[in-house]
Amino acid sequence: MNIEDGLRVVQRRGEAMQAAADASPSGMVSVLTLDQGKIEELVKKARPAGTLEIANLLCPGNTVVSGTLPACEAVEKLAAEAGGKTIRLAVAGAFHTVLMKPADDRLAEALAGVEIRSPRVPVWSNVDAQPHTTADEIRPLLVRQVVNPVLWELTMRNLLAAGYDRFFEIGPGRVLAGLLKRVQRKVECQNVGA
């Protein structure tokens, strides 16, 4: 994929995700200090209020849920009752959930017209936390990541288990480096500002 094709795909993906977010008032909530099992229990309890799913498994003690606004409000209340903390994320929709379904279809259409070459180095997907080496593997994973949870912690653990010991965070801030430190305190992660 060349840069121009990549930019067109990213633009179409963004437009599709915005349209999906506009179709249903929704949001995302970071649930802190509770383990994944407890959060799964709270998500089930909050679902009568609306669609709610685990969207990001970031690191121990930090899981993000996404869903309709009433369901987000319900899980915030339940998490507080369970002794957890919540932070409502400043985003326009319930990303990485079934509510983004129209966007994955549009992304699949955009990617269908783009040549994706097999990478020179494995690409680790946040959908399955595994390395992939062919365009035939990568294309559907790019589509699936729109509606599937981000397996950030598992991806980092699998990279570490595979022997990777040096990481770079590209762009402003150090959020990803901070999440990585919660997974493995001693790992090296350098920030490269954009």
N, C-alpha and C. Protein backbone atom coordinates (compact mmCIF):
# COMPACT_ATOMS: atom_id res chain seq x y z
N MET A 1 0.85 -1.16 0.00
CA MET A 1 0.00 0.00 0.00
C MET A 1 0.90 1.23 0.00
N ASN A 2 0.64 2.16 -0.92
CA ASN A 2 1.42 3.39 -0.91
C ASN A 2 0.78 4.41 0.03
N ILE A 3 1.46 5.51 0.25
CA ILE A 3 1.00 6.51 1.23
C ILE A 3 -0.33 7.11 0.82
N GLU A 4 -0.51 7.43 -0.46
CA GLU A 4 -1.77 8.03 -0.91
C GLU A 4 -2.94 7.08 -0.68
N ASP A 5 -2.77 5.80 -1.02
CA ASP A 5 -3.83 4.82 -0.77
C ASP A 5 -4.11 4.71 0.72
N GLY A 6 -3.06 4.68 1.51
CA GLY A 6 -3.22 4.59 2.96
C GLY A 6 -3.99 5.76 3.52
N LEU A 7 -3.68 6.96 3.06
CA LEU A 7 -4.40 8.16 3.54
C LEU A 7 -5.87 8.12 3.14
N ARG A 8 -6.16 7.65 1.92
CA ARG A 8 -7.56 7.54 1.49
C ARG A 8 -8.31 6.54 2.36
N VAL A 9 -7.67 5.42 2.67
CA VAL A 9 -8.31 4.41 3.52
C VAL A 9 -8.56 4.98 4.91
N VAL A 10 -7.59 5.66 5.47
CA VAL A 10 -7.74 6.25 6.81
C VAL A 10 -8.87 7.28 6.80
N GLN A 11 -8.94 8.10 5.76
CA GLN A 11 -10.00 9.11 5.69
C GLN A 11 -11.36 8.44 5.60
N ARG A 12 -11.50 7.42 4.75
CA ARG A 12 -12.79 6.73 4.62
C ARG A 12 -13.15 6.03 5.93
N ARG A 13 -12.17 5.45 6.60
CA ARG A 13 -12.42 4.79 7.88
C ARG A 13 -12.93 5.81 8.90
N GLY A 14 -12.27 6.96 8.97
CA GLY A 14 -12.69 7.99 9.91
C GLY A 14 -14.09 8.49 9.63
N GLU A 15 -14.41 8.71 8.37
CA GLU A 15 -15.75 9.16 8.00
C GLU A 15 -16.79 8.11 8.37
N ALA A 16 -16.48 6.85 8.11
CA ALA A 16 -17.41 5.77 8.42
C ALA A 16 -17.62 5.63 9.92
N MET A 17 -16.53 5.75 10.68
CA MET A 17 -16.65 5.63 12.14
C MET A 17 -17.43 6.80 12.71
N GLN A 18 -17.24 8.00 12.16
CA GLN A 18 -18.00 9.16 12.63
C GLN A 18 -19.48 8.98 12.33
N ALA A 19 -19.79 8.48 11.13
CA ALA A 19 -21.20 8.24 10.77
C ALA A 19 -21.82 7.21 11.71
N ALA A 20 -21.08 6.16 12.03
CA ALA A 20 -21.59 5.14 12.95
C ALA A 20 -21.80 5.73 14.34
N ALA A 21 -20.87 6.58 14.78
CA ALA A 21 -21.01 7.21 16.10
C ALA A 21 -22.21 8.16 16.13
N ASP A 22 -22.43 8.88 15.04
CA ASP A 22 -23.56 9.81 14.98
C ASP A 22 -24.90 9.08 14.99
N ALA A 23 -24.93 7.83 14.53
CA ALA A 23 -26.18 7.07 14.45
C ALA A 23 -26.73 6.70 15.83
N SER A 24 -25.87 6.63 16.83
CA SER A 24 -26.30 6.24 18.17
C SER A 24 -25.46 6.98 19.21
N PRO A 25 -26.08 7.85 20.03
CA PRO A 25 -25.29 8.53 21.06
C PRO A 25 -24.59 7.51 21.96
N SER A 26 -23.28 7.58 21.96
CA SER A 26 -22.51 6.55 22.64
C SER A 26 -21.19 7.13 23.14
N GLY A 27 -20.44 6.31 23.86
CA GLY A 27 -19.18 6.77 24.39
C GLY A 27 -18.33 5.64 24.91
N MET A 28 -17.26 6.02 25.61
CA MET A 28 -16.32 5.07 26.17
C MET A 28 -15.97 5.49 27.59
N VAL A 29 -15.78 4.48 28.45
CA VAL A 29 -15.46 4.72 29.85
C VAL A 29 -14.27 3.84 30.23
N SER A 30 -13.25 4.46 30.78
CA SER A 30 -12.12 3.70 31.32
C SER A 30 -12.46 3.31 32.74
N VAL A 31 -12.38 2.01 33.03
CA VAL A 31 -12.66 1.50 34.37
C VAL A 31 -11.32 1.13 34.99
N LEU A 32 -11.02 1.76 36.11
CA LEU A 32 -9.73 1.60 36.76
C LEU A 32 -9.85 0.83 38.07
N THR A 33 -8.81 0.15 38.42
CA THR A 33 -8.59 -0.56 39.70
C THR A 33 -9.37 -1.85 39.86
N LEU A 34 -10.20 -2.22 38.90
CA LEU A 34 -10.94 -3.49 38.98
C LEU A 34 -10.33 -4.48 37.99
N ASP A 35 -10.39 -5.77 38.33
CA ASP A 35 -9.84 -6.77 37.41
C ASP A 35 -10.83 -7.07 36.28
N GLN A 36 -10.34 -7.72 35.25
CA GLN A 36 -11.13 -7.96 34.05
C GLN A 36 -12.40 -8.76 34.35
N GLY A 37 -12.30 -9.77 35.19
CA GLY A 37 -13.47 -10.57 35.53
C GLY A 37 -14.58 -9.74 36.15
N LYS A 38 -14.22 -8.84 37.06
CA LYS A 38 -15.20 -7.98 37.71
C LYS A 38 -15.82 -7.03 36.68
N ILE A 39 -15.01 -6.51 35.78
CA ILE A 39 -15.53 -5.60 34.76
C ILE A 39 -16.48 -6.33 33.83
N GLU A 40 -16.17 -7.56 33.46
CA GLU A 40 -17.09 -8.35 32.63
C GLU A 40 -18.43 -8.52 33.33
N GLU A 41 -18.39 -8.75 34.63
CA GLU A 41 -19.61 -8.88 35.43
C GLU A 41 -20.41 -7.57 35.41
N LEU A 42 -19.73 -6.44 35.58
CA LEU A 42 -20.40 -5.14 35.58
C LEU A 42 -21.00 -4.82 34.21
N VAL A 43 -20.29 -5.19 33.15
CA VAL A 43 -20.80 -4.96 31.79
C VAL A 43 -22.12 -5.73 31.61
N LYS A 44 -22.17 -6.97 32.04
CA LYS A 44 -23.41 -7.75 31.93
C LYS A 44 -24.54 -7.10 32.72
N LYS A 45 -24.24 -6.60 33.91
CA LYS A 45 -25.26 -5.94 34.73
C LYS A 45 -25.75 -4.65 34.11
N ALA A 46 -24.89 -3.95 33.37
CA ALA A 46 -25.26 -2.66 32.78
C ALA A 46 -25.98 -2.80 31.44
N ARG A 47 -25.92 -3.96 30.83
CA ARG A 47 -26.48 -4.13 29.48
C ARG A 47 -27.98 -3.89 29.36
N PRO A 48 -28.79 -4.08 30.40
CA PRO A 48 -30.21 -3.73 30.22
C PRO A 48 -30.42 -2.26 29.85
N ALA A 49 -29.45 -1.40 30.17
CA ALA A 49 -29.55 0.02 29.84
C ALA A 49 -29.20 0.30 28.38
N GLY A 50 -28.55 -0.67 27.70
CA GLY A 50 -28.16 -0.48 26.30
C GLY A 50 -26.96 -1.32 25.94
N THR A 51 -26.48 -1.15 24.74
CA THR A 51 -25.32 -1.89 24.27
C THR A 51 -24.09 -1.48 25.06
N LEU A 52 -23.32 -2.46 25.53
CA LEU A 52 -22.09 -2.18 26.25
C LEU A 52 -21.15 -3.37 26.07
N GLU A 53 -19.90 -3.08 25.69
CA GLU A 53 -18.90 -4.12 25.46
C GLU A 53 -17.54 -3.67 25.98
N ILE A 54 -16.70 -4.63 26.29
CA ILE A 54 -15.31 -4.31 26.59
C ILE A 54 -14.65 -3.94 25.27
N ALA A 55 -13.98 -2.79 25.25
CA ALA A 55 -13.39 -2.28 24.02
C ALA A 55 -11.87 -2.32 24.02
N ASN A 56 -11.25 -2.11 25.17
CA ASN A 56 -9.79 -2.06 25.25
C ASN A 56 -9.33 -2.74 26.53
N LEU A 57 -8.50 -3.75 26.38
CA LEU A 57 -7.85 -4.40 27.52
C LEU A 57 -6.43 -3.85 27.53
N LEU A 58 -6.22 -2.76 28.29
CA LEU A 58 -5.00 -1.98 28.18
C LEU A 58 -3.85 -2.48 29.04
N CYS A 59 -4.11 -2.69 30.32
CA CYS A 59 -3.07 -3.12 31.26
C CYS A 59 -3.77 -3.52 32.55
N PRO A 60 -3.07 -4.15 33.47
CA PRO A 60 -3.72 -4.49 34.73
C PRO A 60 -4.34 -3.24 35.38
N GLY A 61 -5.62 -3.34 35.70
CA GLY A 61 -6.29 -2.23 36.36
C GLY A 61 -6.79 -1.14 35.44
N ASN A 62 -6.76 -1.34 34.12
CA ASN A 62 -7.25 -0.33 33.18
C ASN A 62 -7.89 -1.02 31.98
N THR A 63 -9.21 -1.03 32.01
CA THR A 63 -10.00 -1.62 30.93
C THR A 63 -11.01 -0.58 30.47
N VAL A 64 -11.19 -0.46 29.17
CA VAL A 64 -12.14 0.51 28.62
C VAL A 64 -13.36 -0.24 28.10
N VAL A 65 -14.54 0.28 28.45
CA VAL A 65 -15.78 -0.25 27.92
C VAL A 65 -16.41 0.80 27.01
N SER A 66 -17.18 0.33 26.04
CA SER A 66 -17.83 1.22 25.07
C SER A 66 -19.28 0.82 24.93
N GLY A 67 -20.13 1.82 24.70
CA GLY A 67 -21.53 1.50 24.47
C GLY A 67 -22.38 2.73 24.37
N THR A 68 -23.68 2.50 24.41
CA THR A 68 -24.63 3.61 24.37
C THR A 68 -24.47 4.43 25.64
N LEU A 69 -24.86 5.69 25.57
CA LEU A 69 -24.68 6.57 26.73
C LEU A 69 -25.38 6.06 27.99
N PRO A 70 -26.64 5.57 27.90
CA PRO A 70 -27.26 5.05 29.13
C PRO A 70 -26.49 3.86 29.73
N ALA A 71 -25.94 3.01 28.88
CA ALA A 71 -25.16 1.86 29.38
C ALA A 71 -23.85 2.34 30.00
N CYS A 72 -23.23 3.36 29.41
CA CYS A 72 -22.00 3.92 29.99
C CYS A 72 -22.29 4.50 31.37
N GLU A 73 -23.40 5.22 31.49
CA GLU A 73 -23.77 5.78 32.79
C GLU A 73 -24.03 4.67 33.81
N ALA A 74 -24.68 3.60 33.38
CA ALA A 74 -24.96 2.47 34.28
C ALA A 74 -23.67 1.82 34.77
N VAL A 75 -22.71 1.61 33.87
CA VAL A 75 -21.47 0.95 34.29
C VAL A 75 -20.64 1.86 35.20
N GLU A 76 -20.71 3.16 34.98
CA GLU A 76 -20.02 4.09 35.88
C GLU A 76 -20.54 3.95 37.31
N LYS A 77 -21.85 3.88 37.44
CA LYS A 77 -22.47 3.74 38.76
C LYS A 77 -22.09 2.39 39.38
N LEU A 78 -22.19 1.33 38.61
CA LEU A 78 -21.86 -0.01 39.11
C LEU A 78 -20.40 -0.12 39.52
N ALA A 79 -19.51 0.48 38.72
CA ALA A 79 -18.07 0.43 39.04
C ALA A 79 -17.80 1.17 40.35
N ALA A 80 -18.43 2.30 40.56
CA ALA A 80 -18.24 3.06 41.80
C ALA A 80 -18.72 2.23 43.00
N GLU A 81 -19.86 1.57 42.84
CA GLU A 81 -20.38 0.72 43.91
C GLU A 81 -19.44 -0.45 44.22
N ALA A 82 -18.70 -0.90 43.20
CA ALA A 82 -17.77 -2.03 43.37
C ALA A 82 -16.39 -1.56 43.84
N GLY A 83 -16.22 -0.27 44.06
CA GLY A 83 -14.95 0.25 44.54
C GLY A 83 -13.98 0.66 43.45
N GLY A 84 -14.44 0.69 42.22
CA GLY A 84 -13.59 1.10 41.11
C GLY A 84 -13.72 2.58 40.82
N LYS A 85 -12.86 3.04 39.94
CA LYS A 85 -12.90 4.43 39.49
C LYS A 85 -13.19 4.41 37.99
N THR A 86 -13.82 5.46 37.50
CA THR A 86 -14.08 5.54 36.07
C THR A 86 -13.69 6.91 35.54
N ILE A 87 -13.34 6.93 34.28
CA ILE A 87 -13.05 8.17 33.56
C ILE A 87 -13.79 8.09 32.24
N ARG A 88 -14.68 9.04 31.99
CA ARG A 88 -15.37 9.09 30.70
C ARG A 88 -14.38 9.65 29.69
N LEU A 89 -14.18 8.94 28.60
CA LEU A 89 -13.23 9.36 27.58
C LEU A 89 -13.87 10.38 26.64
N ALA A 90 -13.09 11.33 26.21
CA ALA A 90 -13.56 12.39 25.31
C ALA A 90 -13.50 11.91 23.87
N VAL A 91 -14.42 11.02 23.53
CA VAL A 91 -14.49 10.47 22.18
C VAL A 91 -15.92 10.61 21.66
N ALA A 92 -16.08 10.44 20.36
CA ALA A 92 -17.37 10.68 19.73
C ALA A 92 -18.24 9.43 19.62
N GLY A 93 -17.74 8.27 20.05
CA GLY A 93 -18.56 7.08 19.86
C GLY A 93 -18.06 5.89 20.63
N ALA A 94 -18.78 4.79 20.45
CA ALA A 94 -18.46 3.52 21.12
C ALA A 94 -17.57 2.69 20.21
N PHE A 95 -16.32 3.08 20.15
CA PHE A 95 -15.39 2.41 19.25
C PHE A 95 -15.07 1.00 19.73
N HIS A 96 -14.74 0.14 18.78
CA HIS A 96 -14.40 -1.27 19.04
C HIS A 96 -15.59 -2.05 19.61
N THR A 97 -16.79 -1.73 19.11
CA THR A 97 -18.00 -2.47 19.48
C THR A 97 -18.85 -2.70 18.24
N VAL A 98 -19.93 -3.47 18.43
CA VAL A 98 -20.86 -3.72 17.32
C VAL A 98 -21.51 -2.44 16.83
N LEU A 99 -21.52 -1.38 17.64
CA LEU A 99 -22.10 -0.11 17.21
C LEU A 99 -21.31 0.51 16.06
N MET A 100 -20.10 0.05 15.83
CA MET A 100 -19.28 0.55 14.72
C MET A 100 -19.45 -0.31 13.46
N LYS A 101 -20.40 -1.25 13.49
CA LYS A 101 -20.57 -2.19 12.39
C LYS A 101 -20.62 -1.52 11.01
N PRO A 102 -21.33 -0.46 10.81
CA PRO A 102 -21.31 0.12 9.46
C PRO A 102 -19.92 0.55 9.01
N ALA A 103 -19.09 0.96 9.96
CA ALA A 103 -17.75 1.44 9.61
C ALA A 103 -16.86 0.31 9.12
N ASP A 104 -16.99 -0.88 9.68
CA ASP A 104 -16.13 -1.97 9.22
C ASP A 104 -16.47 -2.38 7.79
N ASP A 105 -17.76 -2.31 7.44
CA ASP A 105 -18.15 -2.62 6.07
C ASP A 105 -17.54 -1.60 5.09
N ARG A 106 -17.59 -0.33 5.47
CA ARG A 106 -17.02 0.71 4.60
C ARG A 106 -15.50 0.59 4.50
N LEU A 107 -14.86 0.23 5.61
CA LEU A 107 -13.42 0.03 5.57
C LEU A 107 -13.07 -1.15 4.67
N ALA A 108 -13.83 -2.22 4.74
CA ALA A 108 -13.59 -3.38 3.88
C ALA A 108 -13.70 -2.98 2.41
N GLU A 109 -14.69 -2.16 2.08
CA GLU A 109 -14.84 -1.67 0.71
C GLU A 109 -13.63 -0.84 0.29
N ALA A 110 -13.18 0.04 1.18
CA ALA A 110 -12.02 0.90 0.86
C ALA A 110 -10.77 0.06 0.67
N LEU A 111 -10.58 -0.94 1.52
CA LEU A 111 -9.38 -1.78 1.44
C LEU A 111 -9.41 -2.71 0.23
N ALA A 112 -10.60 -3.03 -0.26
CA ALA A 112 -10.71 -3.94 -1.40
C ALA A 112 -10.01 -3.37 -2.64
N GLY A 113 -9.98 -2.05 -2.75
CA GLY A 113 -9.37 -1.42 -3.91
C GLY A 113 -7.92 -1.01 -3.70
N VAL A 114 -7.31 -1.49 -2.61
CA VAL A 114 -5.95 -1.08 -2.28
C VAL A 114 -5.04 -2.30 -2.27
N GLU A 115 -3.89 -2.15 -2.89
CA GLU A 115 -2.90 -3.22 -2.83
C GLU A 115 -2.18 -3.17 -1.48
N ILE A 116 -2.21 -4.29 -0.77
CA ILE A 116 -1.46 -4.40 0.47
C ILE A 116 -0.39 -5.45 0.23
N ARG A 117 0.84 -5.04 0.38
CA ARG A 117 1.96 -5.97 0.19
C ARG A 117 2.30 -6.65 1.51
N SER A 118 2.84 -7.82 1.41
CA SER A 118 3.28 -8.51 2.62
C SER A 118 4.40 -7.70 3.26
N PRO A 119 4.37 -7.56 4.57
CA PRO A 119 5.37 -6.73 5.26
C PRO A 119 6.74 -7.40 5.32
N ARG A 120 7.77 -6.58 5.46
CA ARG A 120 9.14 -7.10 5.63
C ARG A 120 9.37 -7.63 7.04
N VAL A 121 8.63 -7.10 7.98
CA VAL A 121 8.70 -7.57 9.37
C VAL A 121 7.27 -7.92 9.79
N PRO A 122 7.10 -8.84 10.72
CA PRO A 122 5.73 -9.20 11.13
C PRO A 122 4.97 -8.00 11.69
N VAL A 123 3.69 -7.96 11.39
CA VAL A 123 2.78 -6.94 11.92
C VAL A 123 1.97 -7.61 13.03
N TRP A 124 2.06 -7.05 14.22
CA TRP A 124 1.31 -7.60 15.35
C TRP A 124 -0.06 -6.92 15.39
N SER A 125 -1.10 -7.72 15.36
CA SER A 125 -2.47 -7.20 15.35
C SER A 125 -3.00 -7.06 16.77
N ASN A 126 -3.72 -5.97 17.02
CA ASN A 126 -4.35 -5.80 18.32
C ASN A 126 -5.66 -6.58 18.43
N VAL A 127 -6.06 -7.26 17.35
CA VAL A 127 -7.27 -8.06 17.36
C VAL A 127 -7.03 -9.43 18.00
N ASP A 128 -5.88 -10.04 17.66
CA ASP A 128 -5.59 -11.38 18.17
C ASP A 128 -4.26 -11.48 18.91
N ALA A 129 -3.55 -10.36 19.02
CA ALA A 129 -2.27 -10.29 19.74
C ALA A 129 -1.23 -11.24 19.17
N GLN A 130 -1.27 -11.41 17.84
CA GLN A 130 -0.35 -12.32 17.17
C GLN A 130 0.34 -11.61 16.00
N PRO A 131 1.52 -12.13 15.59
CA PRO A 131 2.20 -11.57 14.43
C PRO A 131 1.60 -12.12 13.13
N HIS A 132 1.63 -11.29 12.10
CA HIS A 132 1.10 -11.69 10.79
C HIS A 132 2.09 -11.25 9.72
N THR A 133 2.23 -12.08 8.70
CA THR A 133 3.27 -11.83 7.71
C THR A 133 2.77 -11.75 6.27
N THR A 134 1.48 -11.90 6.05
CA THR A 134 0.98 -11.81 4.68
C THR A 134 -0.16 -10.80 4.59
N ALA A 135 -0.30 -10.23 3.40
CA ALA A 135 -1.38 -9.28 3.16
C ALA A 135 -2.74 -9.95 3.34
N ASP A 136 -2.84 -11.23 2.98
CA ASP A 136 -4.11 -11.96 3.13
C ASP A 136 -4.52 -12.09 4.59
N GLU A 137 -3.57 -12.12 5.51
CA GLU A 137 -3.89 -12.15 6.93
C GLU A 137 -4.23 -10.76 7.45
N ILE A 138 -3.47 -9.78 6.99
CA ILE A 138 -3.55 -8.43 7.55
C ILE A 138 -4.83 -7.71 7.13
N ARG A 139 -5.25 -7.85 5.88
CA ARG A 139 -6.43 -7.11 5.38
C ARG A 139 -7.68 -7.37 6.25
N PRO A 140 -8.07 -8.61 6.51
CA PRO A 140 -9.27 -8.80 7.33
C PRO A 140 -9.09 -8.35 8.79
N LEU A 141 -7.87 -8.41 9.29
CA LEU A 141 -7.62 -7.96 10.65
C LEU A 141 -7.80 -6.45 10.77
N LEU A 142 -7.42 -5.71 9.73
CA LEU A 142 -7.64 -4.26 9.73
C LEU A 142 -9.13 -3.94 9.83
N VAL A 143 -9.95 -4.75 9.17
CA VAL A 143 -11.39 -4.55 9.21
C VAL A 143 -11.94 -4.96 10.58
N ARG A 144 -11.50 -6.11 11.09
CA ARG A 144 -12.01 -6.61 12.37
C ARG A 144 -11.69 -5.68 13.53
N GLN A 145 -10.58 -4.94 13.44
CA GLN A 145 -10.21 -4.08 14.57
C GLN A 145 -11.21 -2.95 14.81
N VAL A 146 -12.05 -2.66 13.86
CA VAL A 146 -13.05 -1.61 14.04
C VAL A 146 -14.10 -2.02 15.08
N VAL A 147 -14.48 -3.31 15.10
CA VAL A 147 -15.55 -3.76 15.98
C VAL A 147 -15.08 -4.72 17.09
N ASN A 148 -13.82 -5.10 17.07
CA ASN A 148 -13.30 -6.02 18.08
C ASN A 148 -12.53 -5.25 19.16
N PRO A 149 -12.44 -5.83 20.36
CA PRO A 149 -11.67 -5.19 21.42
C PRO A 149 -10.19 -5.10 21.08
N VAL A 150 -9.55 -4.07 21.58
CA VAL A 150 -8.11 -3.89 21.44
C VAL A 150 -7.44 -4.71 22.55
N LEU A 151 -6.66 -5.69 22.17
CA LEU A 151 -5.98 -6.56 23.12
C LEU A 151 -4.56 -6.04 23.37
N TRP A 152 -4.48 -4.83 23.89
CA TRP A 152 -3.19 -4.18 24.06
C TRP A 152 -2.30 -4.94 25.05
N GLU A 153 -2.82 -5.24 26.23
CA GLU A 153 -2.00 -5.92 27.23
C GLU A 153 -1.50 -7.27 26.72
N LEU A 154 -2.39 -8.06 26.13
CA LEU A 154 -1.98 -9.38 25.63
C LEU A 154 -0.96 -9.24 24.49
N THR A 155 -1.13 -8.25 23.64
CA THR A 155 -0.17 -8.02 22.56
C THR A 155 1.20 -7.71 23.14
N MET A 156 1.25 -6.84 24.14
CA MET A 156 2.53 -6.49 24.77
C MET A 156 3.15 -7.72 25.45
N ARG A 157 2.34 -8.49 26.14
CA ARG A 157 2.86 -9.70 26.81
C ARG A 157 3.40 -10.70 25.78
N ASN A 158 2.70 -10.84 24.66
CA ASN A 158 3.16 -11.77 23.62
C ASN A 158 4.44 -11.27 22.95
N LEU A 159 4.55 -9.97 22.74
CA LEU A 159 5.79 -9.41 22.19
C LEU A 159 6.96 -9.66 23.14
N LEU A 160 6.74 -9.43 24.43
CA LEU A 160 7.79 -9.67 25.42
C LEU A 160 8.17 -11.15 25.46
N ALA A 161 7.19 -12.03 25.41
CA ALA A 161 7.46 -13.47 25.43
C ALA A 161 8.21 -13.91 24.18
N ALA A 162 8.01 -13.19 23.07
CA ALA A 162 8.70 -13.51 21.82
C ALA A 162 10.12 -12.94 21.80
N GLY A 163 10.52 -12.24 22.86
CA GLY A 163 11.89 -11.75 22.96
C GLY A 163 12.09 -10.28 22.65
N TYR A 164 11.02 -9.56 22.34
CA TYR A 164 11.17 -8.13 22.09
C TYR A 164 11.37 -7.42 23.43
N ASP A 165 12.38 -6.54 23.48
CA ASP A 165 12.67 -5.90 24.75
C ASP A 165 12.91 -4.39 24.63
N ARG A 166 12.66 -3.84 23.45
CA ARG A 166 12.84 -2.41 23.24
C ARG A 166 11.68 -1.89 22.40
N PHE A 167 11.03 -0.84 22.89
CA PHE A 167 9.84 -0.32 22.24
C PHE A 167 9.98 1.18 22.01
N PHE A 168 9.24 1.70 21.02
CA PHE A 168 9.22 3.12 20.71
C PHE A 168 7.78 3.58 20.62
N GLU A 169 7.48 4.69 21.28
CA GLU A 169 6.17 5.31 21.14
C GLU A 169 6.35 6.53 20.25
N ILE A 170 5.66 6.52 19.12
CA ILE A 170 5.82 7.58 18.14
C ILE A 170 4.63 8.52 18.23
N GLY A 171 4.91 9.79 18.43
CA GLY A 171 3.87 10.80 18.54
C GLY A 171 3.95 11.52 19.87
N PRO A 172 3.05 12.48 20.07
CA PRO A 172 3.08 13.25 21.31
C PRO A 172 2.62 12.41 22.50
N GLY A 173 3.16 12.72 23.65
CA GLY A 173 2.73 12.05 24.87
C GLY A 173 3.44 10.73 25.12
N ARG A 174 3.09 10.14 26.28
CA ARG A 174 3.72 8.89 26.70
C ARG A 174 2.69 7.91 27.25
N VAL A 175 1.47 7.98 26.72
CA VAL A 175 0.40 7.11 27.22
C VAL A 175 0.74 5.64 27.02
N LEU A 176 1.17 5.27 25.82
CA LEU A 176 1.46 3.87 25.53
C LEU A 176 2.65 3.36 26.35
N ALA A 177 3.65 4.22 26.53
CA ALA A 177 4.79 3.84 27.37
C ALA A 177 4.33 3.57 28.80
N GLY A 178 3.41 4.39 29.28
CA GLY A 178 2.87 4.20 30.62
C GLY A 178 2.11 2.89 30.75
N LEU A 179 1.31 2.57 29.73
CA LEU A 179 0.58 1.29 29.75
C LEU A 179 1.55 0.12 29.72
N LEU A 180 2.59 0.23 28.90
CA LEU A 180 3.58 -0.84 28.81
C LEU A 180 4.29 -1.05 30.15
N LYS A 181 4.59 0.04 30.84
CA LYS A 181 5.25 -0.07 32.15
C LYS A 181 4.36 -0.78 33.16
N ARG A 182 3.04 -0.68 33.00
CA ARG A 182 2.12 -1.39 33.89
C ARG A 182 2.10 -2.89 33.58
N VAL A 183 2.49 -3.25 32.36
CA VAL A 183 2.58 -4.67 31.98
C VAL A 183 3.93 -5.24 32.39
N GLN A 184 5.02 -4.49 32.09
CA GLN A 184 6.38 -4.94 32.42
C GLN A 184 7.20 -3.71 32.79
N ARG A 185 7.42 -3.54 34.08
CA ARG A 185 8.06 -2.34 34.60
C ARG A 185 9.45 -2.08 34.03
N LYS A 186 10.21 -3.11 33.78
CA LYS A 186 11.63 -2.94 33.42
C LYS A 186 11.87 -2.80 31.92
N VAL A 187 10.86 -2.83 31.10
CA VAL A 187 11.08 -2.76 29.66
C VAL A 187 11.43 -1.33 29.23
N GLU A 188 12.25 -1.23 28.20
CA GLU A 188 12.66 0.08 27.68
C GLU A 188 11.65 0.55 26.63
N CYS A 189 11.19 1.79 26.79
CA CYS A 189 10.28 2.38 25.80
C CYS A 189 10.67 3.84 25.62
N GLN A 190 11.13 4.17 24.41
CA GLN A 190 11.55 5.53 24.12
C GLN A 190 10.44 6.26 23.37
N ASN A 191 10.31 7.55 23.65
CA ASN A 191 9.34 8.37 22.97
C ASN A 191 10.00 9.08 21.79
N VAL A 192 9.36 9.02 20.65
CA VAL A 192 9.82 9.73 19.46
C VAL A 192 8.71 10.72 19.10
N GLY A 193 8.93 12.00 19.40
CA GLY A 193 7.92 13.02 19.14
C GLY A 193 7.68 13.20 17.65
N ALA A 194 6.47 13.53 17.31
CA ALA A 194 6.12 13.72 15.89
C ALA A 194 6.02 15.19 15.56
